[in-house]
């Protein structure tokens, strides 16, 4: 089992806990909007760490970003395997070609 698979299982377990004892449960209690906000905050902090050229900060913020993204995915009922399957689907496809193949909103 990979680190991300273990994390996904831990998030699923902790989402059922009391918000008094679990950060994941606390985020779930606050709702999807708060979870999405946390993903945005962590993404911004990751960008700041990247441009500051602080590798340790970038590693830490990247871990925070992945964690909060996985909490959001779990709350929305999206398995991380589905995200990985989408990456697999895109493998070998030029990023420019992949973007061009998307339907406009």
C-alpha atoms as a PDB file:
ATOM      1  CA  UNK A   1       0.000   0.000   0.000  1.00  0.00           C
ATOM      2  CA  UNK A   2       1.368   3.417  -0.954  1.00  0.00           C
ATOM      3  CA  UNK A   3       1.615   6.456   1.273  1.00  0.00           C
ATOM      4  CA  UNK A   4      -1.284   8.107  -0.546  1.00  0.00           C
ATOM      5  CA  UNK A   5      -3.442   4.985  -0.246  1.00  0.00           C
ATOM      6  CA  UNK A   6      -2.775   4.868   3.502  1.00  0.00           C
ATOM      7  CA  UNK A   7      -3.537   8.585   3.767  1.00  0.00           C
ATOM      8  CA  UNK A   8      -6.808   8.130   1.904  1.00  0.00           C
ATOM      9  CA  UNK A   9      -7.818   5.368   4.347  1.00  0.00           C
ATOM     10  CA  UNK A  10      -6.835   7.474   7.351  1.00  0.00           C
ATOM     11  CA  UNK A  11      -8.844  10.436   6.053  1.00  0.00           C
ATOM     12  CA  UNK A  12     -11.895   8.206   5.531  1.00  0.00           C
ATOM     13  CA  UNK A  13     -11.614   6.858   9.084  1.00  0.00           C
ATOM     14  CA  UNK A  14     -11.047  10.226  10.696  1.00  0.00           C
ATOM     15  CA  UNK A  15     -13.879  11.886   8.810  1.00  0.00           C
ATOM     16  CA  UNK A  16     -16.233   9.793  10.969  1.00  0.00           C
ATOM     17  CA  UNK A  17     -14.610  10.872  14.238  1.00  0.00           C
ATOM     18  CA  UNK A  18     -15.626  13.725  16.482  1.00  0.00           C
ATOM     19  CA  UNK A  19     -14.573  17.197  15.329  1.00  0.00           C
ATOM     20  CA  UNK A  20     -13.236  17.616  18.881  1.00  0.00           C
ATOM     21  CA  UNK A  21     -10.648  14.893  18.315  1.00  0.00           C
ATOM     22  CA  UNK A  22      -9.946  14.982  14.573  1.00  0.00           C
ATOM     23  CA  UNK A  23      -8.814  17.781  12.273  1.00  0.00           C
ATOM     24  CA  UNK A  24     -10.286  15.899   9.299  1.00  0.00           C
ATOM     25  CA  UNK A  25     -13.646  15.642  11.063  1.00  0.00           C
ATOM     26  CA  UNK A  26     -13.444  19.340  11.937  1.00  0.00           C
ATOM     27  CA  UNK A  27     -12.897  20.217   8.273  1.00  0.00           C
ATOM     28  CA  UNK A  28     -15.808  17.972   7.278  1.00  0.00           C
ATOM     29  CA  UNK A  29     -18.043  19.687   9.828  1.00  0.00           C
ATOM     30  CA  UNK A  30     -17.182  23.063   8.279  1.00  0.00           C
ATOM     31  CA  UNK A  31     -18.221  21.865   4.821  1.00  0.00           C
ATOM     32  CA  UNK A  32     -16.890  21.671   1.301  1.00  0.00           C
ATOM     33  CA  UNK A  33     -16.478  25.433   0.914  1.00  0.00           C
ATOM     34  CA  UNK A  34     -14.061  25.554   3.860  1.00  0.00           C
ATOM     35  CA  UNK A  35     -12.194  22.514   2.539  1.00  0.00           C
ATOM     36  CA  UNK A  36     -11.867  24.132  -0.884  1.00  0.00           C
ATOM     37  CA  UNK A  37     -10.654  27.339   0.767  1.00  0.00           C
ATOM     38  CA  UNK A  38      -7.975  25.343   2.605  1.00  0.00           C
ATOM     39  CA  UNK A  39      -6.827  23.791  -0.694  1.00  0.00           C
ATOM     40  CA  UNK A  40      -6.523  27.302  -2.133  1.00  0.00           C
ATOM     41  CA  UNK A  41      -4.580  28.538   0.885  1.00  0.00           C
ATOM     42  CA  UNK A  42      -2.192  25.591   0.737  1.00  0.00           C
ATOM     43  CA  UNK A  43      -1.736  26.049  -3.021  1.00  0.00           C
ATOM     44  CA  UNK A  44      -0.811  29.685  -2.458  1.00  0.00           C
ATOM     45  CA  UNK A  45       1.629  28.737   0.294  1.00  0.00           C
ATOM     46  CA  UNK A  46       3.153  26.127  -2.026  1.00  0.00           C
ATOM     47  CA  UNK A  47       3.662  28.756  -4.722  1.00  0.00           C
ATOM     48  CA  UNK A  48       5.269  31.138  -2.217  1.00  0.00           C
ATOM     49  CA  UNK A  49       7.618  28.395  -1.035  1.00  0.00           C
ATOM     50  CA  UNK A  50       8.522  27.567  -4.639  1.00  0.00           C
ATOM     51  CA  UNK A  51       9.407  31.124  -5.598  1.00  0.00           C
ATOM     52  CA  UNK A  52      11.331  31.667  -2.358  1.00  0.00           C
ATOM     53  CA  UNK A  53      13.550  28.756  -3.398  1.00  0.00           C
ATOM     54  CA  UNK A  54      13.203  27.170   0.053  1.00  0.00           C
ATOM     55  CA  UNK A  55      13.148  23.424  -0.670  1.00  0.00           C
ATOM     56  CA  UNK A  56      12.184  22.421   2.875  1.00  0.00           C
ATOM     57  CA  UNK A  57       9.235  24.823   2.856  1.00  0.00           C
ATOM     58  CA  UNK A  58       8.209  23.602  -0.595  1.00  0.00           C
ATOM     59  CA  UNK A  59       8.231  20.011   0.608  1.00  0.00           C
ATOM     60  CA  UNK A  60       6.147  20.841   3.676  1.00  0.00           C
ATOM     61  CA  UNK A  61       3.648  22.989   1.802  1.00  0.00           C
ATOM     62  CA  UNK A  62       3.331  20.389  -0.957  1.00  0.00           C
ATOM     63  CA  UNK A  63       2.489  17.772   1.673  1.00  0.00           C
ATOM     64  CA  UNK A  64      -0.115  20.130   3.181  1.00  0.00           C
ATOM     65  CA  UNK A  65      -1.580  20.749  -0.282  1.00  0.00           C
ATOM     66  CA  UNK A  66      -1.872  17.041  -1.080  1.00  0.00           C
ATOM     67  CA  UNK A  67      -3.419  16.337   2.327  1.00  0.00           C
ATOM     68  CA  UNK A  68      -6.063  19.050   2.005  1.00  0.00           C
ATOM     69  CA  UNK A  69      -6.821  18.046  -1.590  1.00  0.00           C
ATOM     70  CA  UNK A  70      -7.359  14.461  -0.469  1.00  0.00           C
ATOM     71  CA  UNK A  71      -9.682  15.615   2.333  1.00  0.00           C
ATOM     72  CA  UNK A  72     -11.712  17.556  -0.250  1.00  0.00           C
ATOM     73  CA  UNK A  73     -11.798  14.637  -2.681  1.00  0.00           C
ATOM     74  CA  UNK A  74     -13.010  12.315   0.079  1.00  0.00           C
ATOM     75  CA  UNK A  75     -15.749  14.749   1.082  1.00  0.00           C
ATOM     76  CA  UNK A  76     -16.917  14.924  -2.528  1.00  0.00           C
ATOM     77  CA  UNK A  77     -16.876  11.129  -2.883  1.00  0.00           C
ATOM     78  CA  UNK A  78     -14.028  11.122  -5.396  1.00  0.00           C
ATOM     79  CA  UNK A  79     -11.561   8.277  -4.982  1.00  0.00           C
ATOM     80  CA  UNK A  80      -7.912   9.167  -5.397  1.00  0.00           C
ATOM     81  CA  UNK A  81      -7.703   6.214  -7.794  1.00  0.00           C
ATOM     82  CA  UNK A  82     -10.026   8.150 -10.104  1.00  0.00           C
ATOM     83  CA  UNK A  83      -7.561  11.044 -10.143  1.00  0.00           C
ATOM     84  CA  UNK A  84      -4.727   8.621 -10.836  1.00  0.00           C
ATOM     85  CA  UNK A  85      -6.763   7.023 -13.637  1.00  0.00           C
ATOM     86  CA  UNK A  86      -7.169  10.449 -15.231  1.00  0.00           C
ATOM     87  CA  UNK A  87      -3.420  11.001 -15.030  1.00  0.00           C
ATOM     88  CA  UNK A  88      -2.901   7.568 -16.595  1.00  0.00           C
ATOM     89  CA  UNK A  89      -5.310   8.526 -19.384  1.00  0.00           C
ATOM     90  CA  UNK A  90      -3.263  11.642 -20.082  1.00  0.00           C
ATOM     91  CA  UNK A  91       0.088   9.857 -20.004  1.00  0.00           C
ATOM     92  CA  UNK A  92       1.966  10.172 -23.250  1.00  0.00           C
ATOM     93  CA  UNK A  93      -0.319  12.953 -24.436  1.00  0.00           C
ATOM     94  CA  UNK A  94       1.205  16.349 -25.052  1.00  0.00           C
ATOM     95  CA  UNK A  95       0.005  18.872 -22.499  1.00  0.00           C
ATOM     96  CA  UNK A  96      -0.883  21.240 -25.322  1.00  0.00           C
ATOM     97  CA  UNK A  97      -2.874  18.521 -27.132  1.00  0.00           C
ATOM     98  CA  UNK A  98      -4.641  17.532 -23.912  1.00  0.00           C
ATOM     99  CA  UNK A  99      -5.697  21.124 -23.227  1.00  0.00           C
ATOM    100  CA  UNK A 100      -6.892  21.537 -26.828  1.00  0.00           C
ATOM    101  CA  UNK A 101      -9.057  18.409 -26.487  1.00  0.00           C
ATOM    102  CA  UNK A 102     -11.050  19.802 -23.557  1.00  0.00           C
ATOM    103  CA  UNK A 103     -14.482  21.161 -24.323  1.00  0.00           C
ATOM    104  CA  UNK A 104     -14.779  24.890 -23.626  1.00  0.00           C
ATOM    105  CA  UNK A 105     -17.010  25.915 -20.701  1.00  0.00           C
END
